[in-house]
Amino acid sequence: MTNLARYTAADLPALMDRITRNSIGMDEYFDRLFNLHETTSNYPPYNIVNVSNVESRLELALAGFKKKEVYVYTEYGKLFIEGQKEDGESDTQYVHKGLAQRSFKRVWTLSDDVEVREVTFEDGLLRIVLGKIVPEHHARKDYL
């Protein structure tokens, strides 16, 4: 017989309530953890490319968007990408419309040691270079 308590999924809300009640200064981390399960749209399609151990690149396919219709900004440790499609009255009648050109808003949570280094928009592809901030005492130093 052990003194370990057995928890089930039904006990999780009460357990998390006890943990968050007794933690000071951890609210932001718990909010990030609890919001991981939120469903997100898969529009627009995107790639995350690992360029090196200190640099990544986020690529979004924004066919039909102009540069002035796309907004990229960071706030409170989150990367926001918004596309506001101008509603142009068109007389075009589509037989099949497979290219979505609707307004969108995507949000990614950035780690505390990640910064946006470069943003480019060319040929319908938005590229955002993300770099990891490496403290000087962690950076590689060659001596010989």
C-alpha atoms as a PDB file:
ATOM      1  CA  MET A   1       0.000   0.000   0.000  1.00  0.00           C
ATOM      2  CA  THR A   2       1.307   3.455  -0.860  1.00  0.00           C
ATOM      3  CA  ASN A   3       0.530   6.892   0.414  1.00  0.00           C
ATOM      4  CA  LEU A   4       0.418   8.329  -3.106  1.00  0.00           C
ATOM      5  CA  ALA A   5      -2.885   9.832  -4.127  1.00  0.00           C
ATOM      6  CA  ARG A   6      -4.415   8.689  -7.392  1.00  0.00           C
ATOM      7  CA  TYR A   7      -5.755  11.380  -9.639  1.00  0.00           C
ATOM      8  CA  THR A   8      -8.042  11.030 -12.618  1.00  0.00           C
ATOM      9  CA  ALA A   9      -9.016  13.478 -15.332  1.00  0.00           C
ATOM     10  CA  ALA A  10     -12.053  14.426 -13.251  1.00  0.00           C
ATOM     11  CA  ASP A  11      -9.728  15.664 -10.486  1.00  0.00           C
ATOM     12  CA  LEU A  12      -7.772  17.975 -12.805  1.00  0.00           C
ATOM     13  CA  PRO A  13      -9.840  21.183 -12.375  1.00  0.00           C
ATOM     14  CA  ALA A  14      -9.648  20.975  -8.563  1.00  0.00           C
ATOM     15  CA  LEU A  15      -5.934  20.147  -8.688  1.00  0.00           C
ATOM     16  CA  MET A  16      -5.160  23.072 -11.006  1.00  0.00           C
ATOM     17  CA  ASP A  17      -7.235  25.376  -8.804  1.00  0.00           C
ATOM     18  CA  ARG A  18      -5.087  24.413  -5.804  1.00  0.00           C
ATOM     19  CA  ILE A  19      -1.869  24.886  -7.772  1.00  0.00           C
ATOM     20  CA  THR A  20      -2.801  28.317  -9.166  1.00  0.00           C
ATOM     21  CA  ARG A  21      -4.121  29.532  -5.823  1.00  0.00           C
ATOM     22  CA  ASN A  22      -0.738  28.897  -4.190  1.00  0.00           C
ATOM     23  CA  SER A  23       1.452  30.330  -6.932  1.00  0.00           C
ATOM     24  CA  ILE A  24       2.538  33.936  -7.114  1.00  0.00           C
ATOM     25  CA  GLY A  25       3.893  35.405 -10.325  1.00  0.00           C
ATOM     26  CA  MET A  26       3.162  32.290 -12.374  1.00  0.00           C
ATOM     27  CA  ASP A  27      -0.144  33.489 -13.858  1.00  0.00           C
ATOM     28  CA  GLU A  28       1.294  34.140 -17.308  1.00  0.00           C
ATOM     29  CA  TYR A  29       2.821  30.656 -17.518  1.00  0.00           C
ATOM     30  CA  PHE A  30      -0.395  28.964 -16.422  1.00  0.00           C
ATOM     31  CA  ASP A  31      -2.398  31.030 -18.911  1.00  0.00           C
ATOM     32  CA  ARG A  32      -0.093  29.860 -21.691  1.00  0.00           C
ATOM     33  CA  LEU A  33      -0.440  26.252 -20.554  1.00  0.00           C
ATOM     34  CA  PHE A  34      -4.214  26.359 -20.239  1.00  0.00           C
ATOM     35  CA  ASN A  35      -4.678  28.051 -23.614  1.00  0.00           C
ATOM     36  CA  LEU A  36      -2.640  25.516 -25.583  1.00  0.00           C
ATOM     37  CA  HIS A  37      -5.725  23.467 -26.360  1.00  0.00           C
ATOM     38  CA  GLU A  38      -7.581  26.295 -28.072  1.00  0.00           C
ATOM     39  CA  THR A  39      -8.509  25.398 -31.609  1.00  0.00           C
ATOM     40  CA  THR A  40      -6.976  27.456 -34.342  1.00  0.00           C
ATOM     41  CA  SER A  41      -7.915  27.888 -37.951  1.00  0.00           C
ATOM     42  CA  ASN A  42      -5.609  26.459 -40.583  1.00  0.00           C
ATOM     43  CA  TYR A  43      -5.942  29.543 -42.776  1.00  0.00           C
ATOM     44  CA  PRO A  44      -3.658  30.852 -44.082  1.00  0.00           C
ATOM     45  CA  PRO A  45      -1.339  27.865 -44.571  1.00  0.00           C
ATOM     46  CA  TYR A  46       2.094  28.252 -43.017  1.00  0.00           C
ATOM     47  CA  ASN A  47       5.480  26.575 -42.530  1.00  0.00           C
ATOM     48  CA  ILE A  48       7.859  26.801 -39.599  1.00  0.00           C
ATOM     49  CA  VAL A  49      11.416  26.212 -40.788  1.00  0.00           C
ATOM     50  CA  ASN A  50      14.243  25.535 -38.339  1.00  0.00           C
ATOM     51  CA  VAL A  51      17.177  27.357 -39.968  1.00  0.00           C
ATOM     52  CA  SER A  52      19.660  26.729 -37.137  1.00  0.00           C
ATOM     53  CA  ASN A  53      19.629  26.141 -33.396  1.00  0.00           C
ATOM     54  CA  VAL A  54      19.190  29.897 -32.825  1.00  0.00           C
ATOM     55  CA  GLU A  55      17.052  30.902 -35.817  1.00  0.00           C
ATOM     56  CA  SER A  56      13.666  29.873 -37.221  1.00  0.00           C
ATOM     57  CA  ARG A  57      11.572  31.166 -40.077  1.00  0.00           C
ATOM     58  CA  LEU A  58       7.795  31.394 -40.236  1.00  0.00           C
ATOM     59  CA  GLU A  59       6.370  31.411 -43.776  1.00  0.00           C
ATOM     60  CA  LEU A  60       2.733  32.207 -44.595  1.00  0.00           C
ATOM     61  CA  ALA A  61       1.172  31.771 -48.029  1.00  0.00           C
ATOM     62  CA  LEU A  62      -0.882  34.904 -48.667  1.00  0.00           C
ATOM     63  CA  ALA A  63      -1.902  34.590 -52.303  1.00  0.00           C
ATOM     64  CA  GLY A  64      -3.865  37.607 -53.480  1.00  0.00           C
ATOM     65  CA  PHE A  65      -2.927  39.872 -50.555  1.00  0.00           C
ATOM     66  CA  LYS A  66      -1.129  43.161 -51.045  1.00  0.00           C
ATOM     67  CA  LYS A  67       1.578  44.347 -48.664  1.00  0.00           C
ATOM     68  CA  LYS A  68      -0.650  47.133 -47.338  1.00  0.00           C
ATOM     69  CA  GLU A  69      -3.314  44.566 -46.353  1.00  0.00           C
ATOM     70  CA  VAL A  70      -0.977  42.608 -44.030  1.00  0.00           C
ATOM     71  CA  TYR A  71      -0.067  43.680 -40.479  1.00  0.00           C
ATOM     72  CA  VAL A  72       2.650  42.011 -38.382  1.00  0.00           C
ATOM     73  CA  TYR A  73       3.312  43.069 -34.799  1.00  0.00           C
ATOM     74  CA  THR A  74       4.309  41.734 -31.380  1.00  0.00           C
ATOM     75  CA  GLU A  75       2.687  42.519 -28.071  1.00  0.00           C
ATOM     76  CA  TYR A  76       2.939  40.888 -24.637  1.00  0.00           C
ATOM     77  CA  GLY A  77       5.094  38.024 -25.894  1.00  0.00           C
ATOM     78  CA  LYS A  78       2.810  37.155 -28.796  1.00  0.00           C
ATOM     79  CA  LEU A  79       3.293  37.476 -32.538  1.00  0.00           C
ATOM     80  CA  PHE A  80       0.200  38.757 -34.338  1.00  0.00           C
ATOM     81  CA  ILE A  81      -0.330  38.478 -38.084  1.00  0.00           C
ATOM     82  CA  GLU A  82      -3.456  40.021 -39.543  1.00  0.00           C
ATOM     83  CA  GLY A  83      -4.710  40.254 -43.072  1.00  0.00           C
ATOM     84  CA  GLN A  84      -7.510  42.688 -43.873  1.00  0.00           C
ATOM     85  CA  LYS A  85      -8.750  41.927 -47.364  1.00  0.00           C
ATOM     86  CA  GLU A  86     -10.257  44.922 -49.097  1.00  0.00           C
ATOM     87  CA  ASP A  87     -13.733  44.068 -50.310  1.00  0.00           C
ATOM     88  CA  GLY A  88     -13.620  45.081 -53.924  1.00  0.00           C
ATOM     89  CA  GLU A  89     -16.910  44.761 -55.734  1.00  0.00           C
ATOM     90  CA  SER A  90     -16.179  42.453 -58.614  1.00  0.00           C
ATOM     91  CA  ASP A  91     -18.397  41.262 -61.428  1.00  0.00           C
ATOM     92  CA  THR A  92     -16.319  38.098 -61.730  1.00  0.00           C
ATOM     93  CA  GLN A  93     -18.378  34.924 -61.634  1.00  0.00           C
ATOM     94  CA  TYR A  94     -16.328  31.943 -60.557  1.00  0.00           C
ATOM     95  CA  VAL A  95     -16.945  28.402 -61.765  1.00  0.00           C
ATOM     96  CA  HIS A  96     -14.705  27.258 -58.897  1.00  0.00           C
ATOM     97  CA  LYS A  97     -13.063  29.510 -56.315  1.00  0.00           C
ATOM     98  CA  GLY A  98     -10.312  27.547 -54.584  1.00  0.00           C
ATOM     99  CA  LEU A  99      -8.119  30.443 -53.457  1.00  0.00           C
ATOM    100  CA  ALA A 100      -9.343  31.805 -50.162  1.00  0.00           C
ATOM    101  CA  GLN A 101      -8.830  35.538 -49.866  1.00  0.00           C
ATOM    102  CA  ARG A 102     -10.566  36.366 -46.649  1.00  0.00           C
ATOM    103  CA  SER A 103      -9.470  38.439 -43.679  1.00  0.00           C
ATOM    104  CA  PHE A 104      -7.646  36.553 -40.939  1.00  0.00           C
ATOM    105  CA  LYS A 105      -5.827  36.910 -37.640  1.00  0.00           C
ATOM    106  CA  ARG A 106      -3.201  34.419 -36.445  1.00  0.00           C
ATOM    107  CA  VAL A 107      -1.441  34.550 -33.088  1.00  0.00           C
ATOM    108  CA  TRP A 108       1.662  32.672 -31.956  1.00  0.00           C
ATOM    109  CA  THR A 109       3.043  32.773 -28.423  1.00  0.00           C
ATOM    110  CA  LEU A 110       6.754  33.553 -28.431  1.00  0.00           C
ATOM    111  CA  SER A 111       9.184  32.277 -25.866  1.00  0.00           C
ATOM    112  CA  ASP A 112      10.773  34.919 -23.648  1.00  0.00           C
ATOM    113  CA  ASP A 113      14.105  34.431 -25.440  1.00  0.00           C
ATOM    114  CA  VAL A 114      12.789  34.811 -29.016  1.00  0.00           C
ATOM    115  CA  GLU A 115      12.625  38.040 -31.019  1.00  0.00           C
ATOM    116  CA  VAL A 116      11.440  38.985 -34.496  1.00  0.00           C
ATOM    117  CA  ARG A 117      14.503  39.838 -36.560  1.00  0.00           C
ATOM    118  CA  GLU A 118      13.204  40.366 -40.080  1.00  0.00           C
ATOM    119  CA  VAL A 119       9.849  40.515 -41.882  1.00  0.00           C
ATOM    120  CA  THR A 120       9.556  40.355 -45.679  1.00  0.00           C
ATOM    121  CA  PHE A 121       6.578  40.055 -48.009  1.00  0.00           C
ATOM    122  CA  GLU A 122       7.316  39.064 -51.573  1.00  0.00           C
ATOM    123  CA  ASP A 123       5.369  37.194 -54.265  1.00  0.00           C
ATOM    124  CA  GLY A 124       2.497  36.354 -51.906  1.00  0.00           C
ATOM    125  CA  LEU A 125       4.796  34.804 -49.288  1.00  0.00           C
ATOM    126  CA  LEU A 126       5.245  36.429 -45.878  1.00  0.00           C
ATOM    127  CA  ARG A 127       8.534  35.464 -44.221  1.00  0.00           C
ATOM    128  CA  ILE A 128       9.282  36.221 -40.588  1.00  0.00           C
ATOM    129  CA  VAL A 129      12.739  35.423 -39.231  1.00  0.00           C
ATOM    130  CA  LEU A 130      12.705  34.612 -35.520  1.00  0.00           C
ATOM    131  CA  GLY A 131      15.945  34.601 -33.576  1.00  0.00           C
ATOM    132  CA  LYS A 132      16.760  33.184 -30.201  1.00  0.00           C
ATOM    133  CA  ILE A 133      18.429  35.653 -27.851  1.00  0.00           C
ATOM    134  CA  VAL A 134      21.558  33.965 -26.544  1.00  0.00           C
ATOM    135  CA  PRO A 135      23.088  35.552 -23.432  1.00  0.00           C
ATOM    136  CA  GLU A 136      26.738  36.473 -23.826  1.00  0.00           C
ATOM    137  CA  HIS A 137      27.832  33.937 -21.222  1.00  0.00           C
ATOM    138  CA  HIS A 138      26.059  31.184 -23.220  1.00  0.00           C
ATOM    139  CA  ALA A 139      27.363  32.218 -26.634  1.00  0.00           C
ATOM    140  CA  ARG A 140      30.056  30.152 -28.275  1.00  0.00           C
ATOM    141  CA  LYS A 141      33.579  31.510 -27.834  1.00  0.00           C
ATOM    142  CA  ASP A 142      36.527  30.173 -29.791  1.00  0.00           C
ATOM    143  CA  TYR A 143      39.892  30.565 -28.088  1.00  0.00           C
ATOM    144  CA  LEU A 144      42.284  28.723 -30.325  1.00  0.00           C
END
